[in-house]
Amino acid sequence: MARPLIERRLREIGDRLRRLRADVAVTEEQLAHFADEADDARVRHLVAETPLSERGRREAERQVHAMARHHEDLLAEVLRLEMTQDELLGRMTVEG
């Protein structure tokens, strides 16, 4: 792979990593918020013990699990891009 092509690819990956890391930070805040809401829903259900409170608790837990999966997906993508970046940097070193 030619050096200019590697450099362009590294810039693209760097841009994508910056956006992904910002998304990870936002997702972590959202995950903390949803976890707090799920805790509140659990307490409300313990106090009320109604079908409606149970449904609210389950929905809150579903949101936490969905956000956790999204967070894990983002982290996996960051890791994949970092590995690709390292590979490209290695190629530049060998070719350079």
PDB file of N, CA and C in Angstrom:
ATOM      1  N   MET A   1       0.859  -1.177   0.000  1.00  0.00           N
ATOM      2  CA  MET A   1       0.000   0.000   0.000  1.00  0.00           C
ATOM      3  C   MET A   1       0.902   1.236   0.000  1.00  0.00           C
ATOM      4  N   ALA A   2       0.613   2.180  -0.863  1.00  0.00           N
ATOM      5  CA  ALA A   2       1.428   3.386  -0.994  1.00  0.00           C
ATOM      6  C   ALA A   2       1.265   4.283   0.227  1.00  0.00           C
ATOM      7  N   ARG A   3       2.352   4.964   0.566  1.00  0.00           N
ATOM      8  CA  ARG A   3       2.374   5.828   1.753  1.00  0.00           C
ATOM      9  C   ARG A   3       1.234   6.860   1.758  1.00  0.00           C
ATOM     10  N   PRO A   4       0.956   7.569   0.642  1.00  0.00           N
ATOM     11  CA  PRO A   4      -0.157   8.535   0.663  1.00  0.00           C
ATOM     12  C   PRO A   4      -1.506   7.876   0.976  1.00  0.00           C
ATOM     13  N   LEU A   5      -1.682   6.666   0.462  1.00  0.00           N
ATOM     14  CA  LEU A   5      -2.921   5.939   0.729  1.00  0.00           C
ATOM     15  C   LEU A   5      -3.005   5.558   2.212  1.00  0.00           C
ATOM     16  N   ILE A   6      -1.912   5.124   2.787  1.00  0.00           N
ATOM     17  CA  ILE A   6      -1.871   4.786   4.216  1.00  0.00           C
ATOM     18  C   ILE A   6      -2.156   6.030   5.052  1.00  0.00           C
ATOM     19  N   GLU A   7      -1.540   7.147   4.678  1.00  0.00           N
ATOM     20  CA  GLU A   7      -1.749   8.389   5.426  1.00  0.00           C
ATOM     21  C   GLU A   7      -3.212   8.834   5.366  1.00  0.00           C
ATOM     22  N   ARG A   8      -3.802   8.733   4.195  1.00  0.00           N
ATOM     23  CA  ARG A   8      -5.215   9.101   4.056  1.00  0.00           C
ATOM     24  C   ARG A   8      -6.094   8.184   4.906  1.00  0.00           C
ATOM     25  N   ARG A   9      -5.809   6.904   4.855  1.00  0.00           N
ATOM     26  CA  ARG A   9      -6.578   5.930   5.642  1.00  0.00           C
ATOM     27  C   ARG A   9      -6.402   6.199   7.140  1.00  0.00           C
ATOM     28  N   LEU A  10      -5.193   6.548   7.563  1.00  0.00           N
ATOM     29  CA  LEU A  10      -4.957   6.863   8.976  1.00  0.00           C
ATOM     30  C   LEU A  10      -5.747   8.102   9.405  1.00  0.00           C
ATOM     31  N   ARG A  11      -5.816   9.108   8.543  1.00  0.00           N
ATOM     32  CA  ARG A  11      -6.612  10.308   8.863  1.00  0.00           C
ATOM     33  C   ARG A  11      -8.089   9.949   9.008  1.00  0.00           C
ATOM     34  N   GLU A  12      -8.584   9.132   8.081  1.00  0.00           N
ATOM     35  CA  GLU A  12      -9.988   8.713   8.137  1.00  0.00           C
ATOM     36  C   GLU A  12     -10.272   7.947   9.432  1.00  0.00           C
ATOM     37  N   ILE A  13      -9.378   7.042   9.784  1.00  0.00           N
ATOM     38  CA  ILE A  13      -9.553   6.262  11.005  1.00  0.00           C
ATOM     39  C   ILE A  13      -9.479   7.179  12.230  1.00  0.00           C
ATOM     40  N   GLY A  14      -8.547   8.116  12.220  1.00  0.00           N
ATOM     41  CA  GLY A  14      -8.435   9.059  13.331  1.00  0.00           C
ATOM     42  C   GLY A  14      -9.708   9.871  13.515  1.00  0.00           C
ATOM     43  N   ASP A  15     -10.281  10.340  12.412  1.00  0.00           N
ATOM     44  CA  ASP A  15     -11.544  11.087  12.470  1.00  0.00           C
ATOM     45  C   ASP A  15     -12.664  10.210  13.027  1.00  0.00           C
ATOM     46  N   ARG A  16     -12.731   9.001  12.522  1.00  0.00           N
ATOM     47  CA  ARG A  16     -13.782   8.072  12.974  1.00  0.00           C
ATOM     48  C   ARG A  16     -13.599   7.750  14.466  1.00  0.00           C
ATOM     49  N   LEU A  17     -12.367   7.561  14.906  1.00  0.00           N
ATOM     50  CA  LEU A  17     -12.105   7.275  16.324  1.00  0.00           C
ATOM     51  C   LEU A  17     -12.534   8.440  17.210  1.00  0.00           C
ATOM     52  N   ARG A  18     -12.273   9.653  16.783  1.00  0.00           N
ATOM     53  CA  ARG A  18     -12.695  10.825  17.571  1.00  0.00           C
ATOM     54  C   ARG A  18     -14.212  10.847  17.732  1.00  0.00           C
ATOM     55  N   ARG A  19     -14.919  10.599  16.628  1.00  0.00           N
ATOM     56  CA  ARG A  19     -16.391  10.588  16.695  1.00  0.00           C
ATOM     57  C   ARG A  19     -16.892   9.451  17.577  1.00  0.00           C
ATOM     58  N   LEU A  20     -16.291   8.281  17.423  1.00  0.00           N
ATOM     59  CA  LEU A  20     -16.708   7.136  18.230  1.00  0.00           C
ATOM     60  C   LEU A  20     -16.446   7.364  19.718  1.00  0.00           C
ATOM     61  N   ARG A  21     -15.301   7.940  20.046  1.00  0.00           N
ATOM     62  CA  ARG A  21     -14.986   8.197  21.454  1.00  0.00           C
ATOM     63  C   ARG A  21     -15.962   9.207  22.051  1.00  0.00           C
ATOM     64  N   ALA A  22     -16.375  10.176  21.261  1.00  0.00           N
ATOM     65  CA  ALA A  22     -17.394  11.120  21.734  1.00  0.00           C
ATOM     66  C   ALA A  22     -18.719  10.392  21.950  1.00  0.00           C
ATOM     67  N   ASP A  23     -19.055   9.487  21.028  1.00  0.00           N
ATOM     68  CA  ASP A  23     -20.272   8.689  21.182  1.00  0.00           C
ATOM     69  C   ASP A  23     -20.200   7.803  22.425  1.00  0.00           C
ATOM     70  N   VAL A  24     -19.037   7.248  22.690  1.00  0.00           N
ATOM     71  CA  VAL A  24     -18.859   6.413  23.884  1.00  0.00           C
ATOM     72  C   VAL A  24     -19.108   7.243  25.142  1.00  0.00           C
ATOM     73  N   ALA A  25     -18.579   8.454  25.180  1.00  0.00           N
ATOM     74  CA  ALA A  25     -18.768   9.313  26.351  1.00  0.00           C
ATOM     75  C   ALA A  25     -20.249   9.629  26.563  1.00  0.00           C
ATOM     76  N   VAL A  26     -20.952   9.951  25.488  1.00  0.00           N
ATOM     77  CA  VAL A  26     -22.383  10.238  25.593  1.00  0.00           C
ATOM     78  C   VAL A  26     -23.131   8.995  26.054  1.00  0.00           C
ATOM     79  N   THR A  27     -22.791   7.862  25.479  1.00  0.00           N
ATOM     80  CA  THR A  27     -23.449   6.614  25.834  1.00  0.00           C
ATOM     81  C   THR A  27     -23.226   6.264  27.296  1.00  0.00           C
ATOM     82  N   GLU A  28     -22.031   6.526  27.807  1.00  0.00           N
ATOM     83  CA  GLU A  28     -21.764   6.255  29.217  1.00  0.00           C
ATOM     84  C   GLU A  28     -22.643   7.119  30.115  1.00  0.00           C
ATOM     85  N   GLU A  29     -22.842   8.379  29.733  1.00  0.00           N
ATOM     86  CA  GLU A  29     -23.734   9.249  30.503  1.00  0.00           C
ATOM     87  C   GLU A  29     -25.166   8.734  30.443  1.00  0.00           C
ATOM     88  N   GLN A  30     -25.602   8.341  29.253  1.00  0.00           N
ATOM     89  CA  GLN A  30     -26.956   7.828  29.098  1.00  0.00           C
ATOM     90  C   GLN A  30     -27.142   6.529  29.875  1.00  0.00           C
ATOM     91  N   LEU A  31     -26.135   5.684  29.844  1.00  0.00           N
ATOM     92  CA  LEU A  31     -26.205   4.422  30.566  1.00  0.00           C
ATOM     93  C   LEU A  31     -26.341   4.667  32.067  1.00  0.00           C
ATOM     94  N   ALA A  32     -25.590   5.611  32.590  1.00  0.00           N
ATOM     95  CA  ALA A  32     -25.690   5.943  34.010  1.00  0.00           C
ATOM     96  C   ALA A  32     -27.089   6.472  34.329  1.00  0.00           C
ATOM     97  N   HIS A  33     -27.625   7.305  33.458  1.00  0.00           N
ATOM     98  CA  HIS A  33     -28.968   7.849  33.659  1.00  0.00           C
ATOM     99  C   HIS A  33     -30.012   6.728  33.664  1.00  0.00           C
ATOM    100  N   PHE A  34     -29.946   5.842  32.662  1.00  0.00           N
ATOM    101  CA  PHE A  34     -30.906   4.743  32.583  1.00  0.00           C
ATOM    102  C   PHE A  34     -30.760   3.790  33.766  1.00  0.00           C
ATOM    103  N   ALA A  35     -29.541   3.573  34.236  1.00  0.00           N
ATOM    104  CA  ALA A  35     -29.334   2.710  35.399  1.00  0.00           C
ATOM    105  C   ALA A  35     -29.979   3.329  36.640  1.00  0.00           C
ATOM    106  N   ASP A  36     -29.843   4.648  36.781  1.00  0.00           N
ATOM    107  CA  ASP A  36     -30.509   5.327  37.902  1.00  0.00           C
ATOM    108  C   ASP A  36     -32.023   5.196  37.802  1.00  0.00           C
ATOM    109  N   GLU A  37     -32.544   5.368  36.587  1.00  0.00           N
ATOM    110  CA  GLU A  37     -33.994   5.221  36.393  1.00  0.00           C
ATOM    111  C   GLU A  37     -34.451   3.801  36.702  1.00  0.00           C
ATOM    112  N   ALA A  38     -33.653   2.817  36.314  1.00  0.00           N
ATOM    113  CA  ALA A  38     -34.003   1.425  36.595  1.00  0.00           C
ATOM    114  C   ALA A  38     -33.991   1.154  38.097  1.00  0.00           C
ATOM    115  N   ASP A  39     -33.027   1.721  38.803  1.00  0.00           N
ATOM    116  CA  ASP A  39     -32.997   1.582  40.262  1.00  0.00           C
ATOM    117  C   ASP A  39     -34.247   2.194  40.887  1.00  0.00           C
ATOM    118  N   ASP A  40     -34.618   3.368  40.417  1.00  0.00           N
ATOM    119  CA  ASP A  40     -35.829   4.020  40.923  1.00  0.00           C
ATOM    120  C   ASP A  40     -37.067   3.174  40.629  1.00  0.00           C
ATOM    121  N   ALA A  41     -37.121   2.605  39.429  1.00  0.00           N
ATOM    122  CA  ALA A  41     -38.270   1.768  39.060  1.00  0.00           C
ATOM    123  C   ALA A  41     -38.334   0.519  39.929  1.00  0.00           C
ATOM    124  N   ARG A  42     -37.174  -0.044  40.283  1.00  0.00           N
ATOM    125  CA  ARG A  42     -37.163  -1.220  41.173  1.00  0.00           C
ATOM    126  C   ARG A  42     -37.722  -0.856  42.544  1.00  0.00           C
ATOM    127  N   VAL A  43     -37.301   0.294  43.063  1.00  0.00           N
ATOM    128  CA  VAL A  43     -37.786   0.730  44.372  1.00  0.00           C
ATOM    129  C   VAL A  43     -39.292   0.998  44.310  1.00  0.00           C
ATOM    130  N   ARG A  44     -39.742   1.681  43.253  1.00  0.00           N
ATOM    131  CA  ARG A  44     -41.183   1.947  43.110  1.00  0.00           C
ATOM    132  C   ARG A  44     -41.961   0.638  43.066  1.00  0.00           C
ATOM    133  N   HIS A  45     -41.410  -0.347  42.366  1.00  0.00           N
ATOM    134  CA  HIS A  45     -42.103  -1.631  42.284  1.00  0.00           C
ATOM    135  C   HIS A  45     -42.129  -2.330  43.644  1.00  0.00           C
ATOM    136  N   LEU A  46     -41.046  -2.264  44.379  1.00  0.00           N
ATOM    137  CA  LEU A  46     -41.021  -2.882  45.714  1.00  0.00           C
ATOM    138  C   LEU A  46     -42.066  -2.261  46.633  1.00  0.00           C
ATOM    139  N   VAL A  47     -42.249  -0.968  46.495  1.00  0.00           N
ATOM    140  CA  VAL A  47     -43.224  -0.268  47.340  1.00  0.00           C
ATOM    141  C   VAL A  47     -44.645  -0.527  46.861  1.00  0.00           C
ATOM    142  N   ALA A  48     -44.872  -0.425  45.558  1.00  0.00           N
ATOM    143  CA  ALA A  48     -46.226  -0.513  45.023  1.00  0.00           C
ATOM    144  C   ALA A  48     -46.687  -1.955  44.800  1.00  0.00           C
ATOM    145  N   GLU A  49     -45.802  -2.793  44.324  1.00  0.00           N
ATOM    146  CA  GLU A  49     -46.118  -4.186  43.995  1.00  0.00           C
ATOM    147  C   GLU A  49     -47.377  -4.312  43.134  1.00  0.00           C
ATOM    148  N   THR A  50     -47.417  -3.522  42.061  1.00  0.00           N
ATOM    149  CA  THR A  50     -48.539  -3.585  41.128  1.00  0.00           C
ATOM    150  C   THR A  50     -48.038  -4.053  39.767  1.00  0.00           C
ATOM    151  N   PRO A  51     -48.942  -4.559  38.942  1.00  0.00           N
ATOM    152  CA  PRO A  51     -48.537  -4.945  37.591  1.00  0.00           C
ATOM    153  C   PRO A  51     -47.955  -3.756  36.804  1.00  0.00           C
ATOM    154  N   LEU A  52     -48.500  -2.580  37.012  1.00  0.00           N
ATOM    155  CA  LEU A  52     -47.999  -1.398  36.320  1.00  0.00           C
ATOM    156  C   LEU A  52     -46.567  -1.074  36.748  1.00  0.00           C
ATOM    157  N   SER A  53     -46.295  -1.180  38.041  1.00  0.00           N
ATOM    158  CA  SER A  53     -44.929  -0.908  38.512  1.00  0.00           C
ATOM    159  C   SER A  53     -43.966  -1.982  38.017  1.00  0.00           C
ATOM    160  N   GLU A  54     -44.444  -3.212  37.909  1.00  0.00           N
ATOM    161  CA  GLU A  54     -43.605  -4.298  37.376  1.00  0.00           C
ATOM    162  C   GLU A  54     -43.266  -4.034  35.910  1.00  0.00           C
ATOM    163  N   ARG A  55     -44.244  -3.584  35.151  1.00  0.00           N
ATOM    164  CA  ARG A  55     -44.016  -3.272  33.740  1.00  0.00           C
ATOM    165  C   ARG A  55     -43.012  -2.121  33.615  1.00  0.00           C
ATOM    166  N   GLY A  56     -43.135  -1.113  34.461  1.00  0.00           N
ATOM    167  CA  GLY A  56     -42.186  -0.001  34.445  1.00  0.00           C
ATOM    168  C   GLY A  56     -40.778  -0.447  34.791  1.00  0.00           C
ATOM    169  N   ARG A  57     -40.670  -1.354  35.745  1.00  0.00           N
ATOM    170  CA  ARG A  57     -39.358  -1.887  36.137  1.00  0.00           C
ATOM    171  C   ARG A  57     -38.735  -2.662  34.985  1.00  0.00           C
ATOM    172  N   ARG A  58     -39.525  -3.517  34.356  1.00  0.00           N
ATOM    173  CA  ARG A  58     -39.007  -4.312  33.229  1.00  0.00           C
ATOM    174  C   ARG A  58     -38.566  -3.420  32.072  1.00  0.00           C
ATOM    175  N   GLU A  59     -39.372  -2.405  31.758  1.00  0.00           N
ATOM    176  CA  GLU A  59     -39.028  -1.498  30.656  1.00  0.00           C
ATOM    177  C   GLU A  59     -37.735  -0.745  30.973  1.00  0.00           C
ATOM    178  N   ALA A  60     -37.595  -0.294  32.193  1.00  0.00           N
ATOM    179  CA  ALA A  60     -36.374   0.424  32.584  1.00  0.00           C
ATOM    180  C   ALA A  60     -35.158  -0.486  32.474  1.00  0.00           C
ATOM    181  N   GLU A  61     -35.296  -1.731  32.869  1.00  0.00           N
ATOM    182  CA  GLU A  61     -34.178  -2.676  32.764  1.00  0.00           C
ATOM    183  C   GLU A  61     -33.854  -2.988  31.306  1.00  0.00           C
ATOM    184  N   ARG A  62     -34.884  -3.067  30.452  1.00  0.00           N
ATOM    185  CA  ARG A  62     -34.647  -3.276  29.018  1.00  0.00           C
ATOM    186  C   ARG A  62     -33.840  -2.127  28.423  1.00  0.00           C
ATOM    187  N   GLN A  63     -34.164  -0.902  28.835  1.00  0.00           N
ATOM    188  CA  GLN A  63     -33.423   0.261  28.344  1.00  0.00           C
ATOM    189  C   GLN A  63     -31.960   0.195  28.769  1.00  0.00           C
ATOM    190  N   VAL A  64     -31.732  -0.218  30.023  1.00  0.00           N
ATOM    191  CA  VAL A  64     -30.355  -0.337  30.507  1.00  0.00           C
ATOM    192  C   VAL A  64     -29.602  -1.383  29.695  1.00  0.00           C
ATOM    193  N   HIS A  65     -30.225  -2.526  29.463  1.00  0.00           N
ATOM    194  CA  HIS A  65     -29.558  -3.592  28.699  1.00  0.00           C
ATOM    195  C   HIS A  65     -29.302  -3.165  27.254  1.00  0.00           C
ATOM    196  N   ALA A  66     -30.251  -2.483  26.639  1.00  0.00           N
ATOM    197  CA  ALA A  66     -30.069  -2.028  25.259  1.00  0.00           C
ATOM    198  C   ALA A  66     -28.928  -1.008  25.179  1.00  0.00           C
ATOM    199  N   MET A  67     -28.875  -0.091  26.129  1.00  0.00           N
ATOM    200  CA  MET A  67     -27.807   0.911  26.123  1.00  0.00           C
ATOM    201  C   MET A  67     -26.462   0.254  26.410  1.00  0.00           C
ATOM    202  N   ALA A  68     -26.449  -0.739  27.281  1.00  0.00           N
ATOM    203  CA  ALA A  68     -25.198  -1.450  27.580  1.00  0.00           C
ATOM    204  C   ALA A  68     -24.692  -2.180  26.333  1.00  0.00           C
ATOM    205  N   ARG A  69     -25.598  -2.795  25.585  1.00  0.00           N
ATOM    206  CA  ARG A  69     -25.197  -3.465  24.334  1.00  0.00           C
ATOM    207  C   ARG A  69     -24.650  -2.452  23.336  1.00  0.00           C
ATOM    208  N   HIS A  70     -25.315  -1.320  23.219  1.00  0.00           N
ATOM    209  CA  HIS A  70     -24.850  -0.270  22.302  1.00  0.00           C
ATOM    210  C   HIS A  70     -23.455   0.212  22.729  1.00  0.00           C
ATOM    211  N   HIS A  71     -23.260   0.399  24.011  1.00  0.00           N
ATOM    212  CA  HIS A  71     -21.963   0.834  24.545  1.00  0.00           C
ATOM    213  C   HIS A  71     -20.890  -0.203  24.207  1.00  0.00           C
ATOM    214  N   GLU A  72     -21.194  -1.473  24.401  1.00  0.00           N
ATOM    215  CA  GLU A  72     -20.243  -2.538  24.078  1.00  0.00           C
ATOM    216  C   GLU A  72     -19.920  -2.559  22.587  1.00  0.00           C
ATOM    217  N   ASP A  73     -20.927  -2.333  21.751  1.00  0.00           N
ATOM    218  CA  ASP A  73     -20.702  -2.291  20.297  1.00  0.00           C
ATOM    219  C   ASP A  73     -19.773  -1.152  19.927  1.00  0.00           C
ATOM    220  N   LEU A  74     -19.988   0.012  20.535  1.00  0.00           N
ATOM    221  CA  LEU A  74     -19.117   1.153  20.265  1.00  0.00           C
ATOM    222  C   LEU A  74     -17.678   0.857  20.688  1.00  0.00           C
ATOM    223  N   LEU A  75     -17.518   0.276  21.875  1.00  0.00           N
ATOM    224  CA  LEU A  75     -16.172  -0.053  22.351  1.00  0.00           C
ATOM    225  C   LEU A  75     -15.493  -1.073  21.443  1.00  0.00           C
ATOM    226  N   ALA A  76     -16.256  -2.032  20.946  1.00  0.00           N
ATOM    227  CA  ALA A  76     -15.698  -3.025  20.023  1.00  0.00           C
ATOM    228  C   ALA A  76     -15.245  -2.367  18.722  1.00  0.00           C
ATOM    229  N   GLU A  77     -16.024  -1.406  18.247  1.00  0.00           N
ATOM    230  CA  GLU A  77     -15.648  -0.694  17.022  1.00  0.00           C
ATOM    231  C   GLU A  77     -14.394   0.146  17.249  1.00  0.00           C
ATOM    232  N   VAL A  78     -14.294   0.791  18.409  1.00  0.00           N
ATOM    233  CA  VAL A  78     -13.084   1.551  18.741  1.00  0.00           C
ATOM    234  C   VAL A  78     -11.875   0.616  18.730  1.00  0.00           C
ATOM    235  N   LEU A  79     -12.003  -0.528  19.365  1.00  0.00           N
ATOM    236  CA  LEU A  79     -10.902  -1.491  19.419  1.00  0.00           C
ATOM    237  C   LEU A  79     -10.509  -1.961  18.022  1.00  0.00           C
ATOM    238  N   ARG A  80     -11.507  -2.244  17.186  1.00  0.00           N
ATOM    239  CA  ARG A  80     -11.238  -2.692  15.821  1.00  0.00           C
ATOM    240  C   ARG A  80     -10.483  -1.620  15.042  1.00  0.00           C
ATOM    241  N   LEU A  81     -10.931  -0.378  15.159  1.00  0.00           N
ATOM    242  CA  LEU A  81     -10.261   0.713  14.447  1.00  0.00           C
ATOM    243  C   LEU A  81      -8.854   0.961  14.983  1.00  0.00           C
ATOM    244  N   GLU A  82      -8.670   0.841  16.294  1.00  0.00           N
ATOM    245  CA  GLU A  82      -7.329   1.006  16.864  1.00  0.00           C
ATOM    246  C   GLU A  82      -6.373  -0.072  16.351  1.00  0.00           C
ATOM    247  N   MET A  83      -6.885  -1.285  16.218  1.00  0.00           N
ATOM    248  CA  MET A  83      -6.049  -2.368  15.688  1.00  0.00           C
ATOM    249  C   MET A  83      -5.685  -2.099  14.223  1.00  0.00           C
ATOM    250  N   THR A  84      -6.654  -1.624  13.450  1.00  0.00           N
ATOM    251  CA  THR A  84      -6.391  -1.281  12.052  1.00  0.00           C
ATOM    252  C   THR A  84      -5.380  -0.145  11.971  1.00  0.00           C
ATOM    253  N   GLN A  85      -5.535   0.838  12.835  1.00  0.00           N
ATOM    254  CA  GLN A  85      -4.604   1.964  12.888  1.00  0.00           C
ATOM    255  C   GLN A  85      -3.191   1.478  13.200  1.00  0.00           C
ATOM    256  N   ASP A  86      -3.061   0.594  14.186  1.00  0.00           N
ATOM    257  CA  ASP A  86      -1.747   0.051  14.537  1.00  0.00           C
ATOM    258  C   ASP A  86      -1.128  -0.709  13.361  1.00  0.00           C
ATOM    259  N   GLU A  87      -1.963  -1.472  12.662  1.00  0.00           N
ATOM    260  CA  GLU A  87      -1.477  -2.224  11.500  1.00  0.00           C
ATOM    261  C   GLU A  87      -0.959  -1.262  10.413  1.00  0.00           C
ATOM    262  N   LEU A  88      -1.721  -0.209  10.148  1.00  0.00           N
ATOM    263  CA  LEU A  88      -1.311   0.751   9.139  1.00  0.00           C
ATOM    264  C   LEU A  88      -0.036   1.484   9.556  1.00  0.00           C
ATOM    265  N   LEU A  89       0.068   1.841  10.821  1.00  0.00           N
ATOM    266  CA  LEU A  89       1.297   2.480  11.306  1.00  0.00           C
ATOM    267  C   LEU A  89       2.488   1.552  11.163  1.00  0.00           C
ATOM    268  N   GLY A  90       2.279   0.261  11.409  1.00  0.00           N
ATOM    269  CA  GLY A  90       3.335  -0.720  11.218  1.00  0.00           C
ATOM    270  C   GLY A  90       3.774  -0.798   9.771  1.00  0.00           C
ATOM    271  N   ARG A  91       2.811  -0.743   8.857  1.00  0.00           N
ATOM    272  CA  ARG A  91       3.139  -0.757   7.426  1.00  0.00           C
ATOM    273  C   ARG A  91       3.938   0.474   7.041  1.00  0.00           C
ATOM    274  N   MET A  92       3.563   1.624   7.602  1.00  0.00           N
ATOM    275  CA  MET A  92       4.301   2.860   7.281  1.00  0.00           C
ATOM    276  C   MET A  92       5.732   2.774   7.759  1.00  0.00           C
ATOM    277  N   THR A  93       5.929   2.194   8.912  1.00  0.00           N
ATOM    278  CA  THR A  93       7.267   2.056   9.490  1.00  0.00           C
ATOM    279  C   THR A  93       8.124   1.149   8.612  1.00  0.00           C
ATOM    280  N   VAL A  94       7.534   0.044   8.185  1.00  0.00           N
ATOM    281  CA  VAL A  94       8.271  -0.920   7.345  1.00  0.00           C
ATOM    282  C   VAL A  94       8.583  -0.308   5.990  1.00  0.00           C
ATOM    283  N   GLU A  95       7.621   0.404   5.414  1.00  0.00           N
ATOM    284  CA  GLU A  95       7.806   0.997   4.085  1.00  0.00           C
ATOM    285  C   GLU A  95       8.608   2.288   4.142  1.00  0.00           C
ATOM    286  N   GLY A  96       8.570   2.961   5.311  1.00  0.00           N
ATOM    287  CA  GLY A  96       9.147   4.289   5.423  1.00  0.00           C
ATOM    288  C   GLY A  96      10.615   4.286   5.415  1.00  0.00           C
TER     289      GLY A  96
END
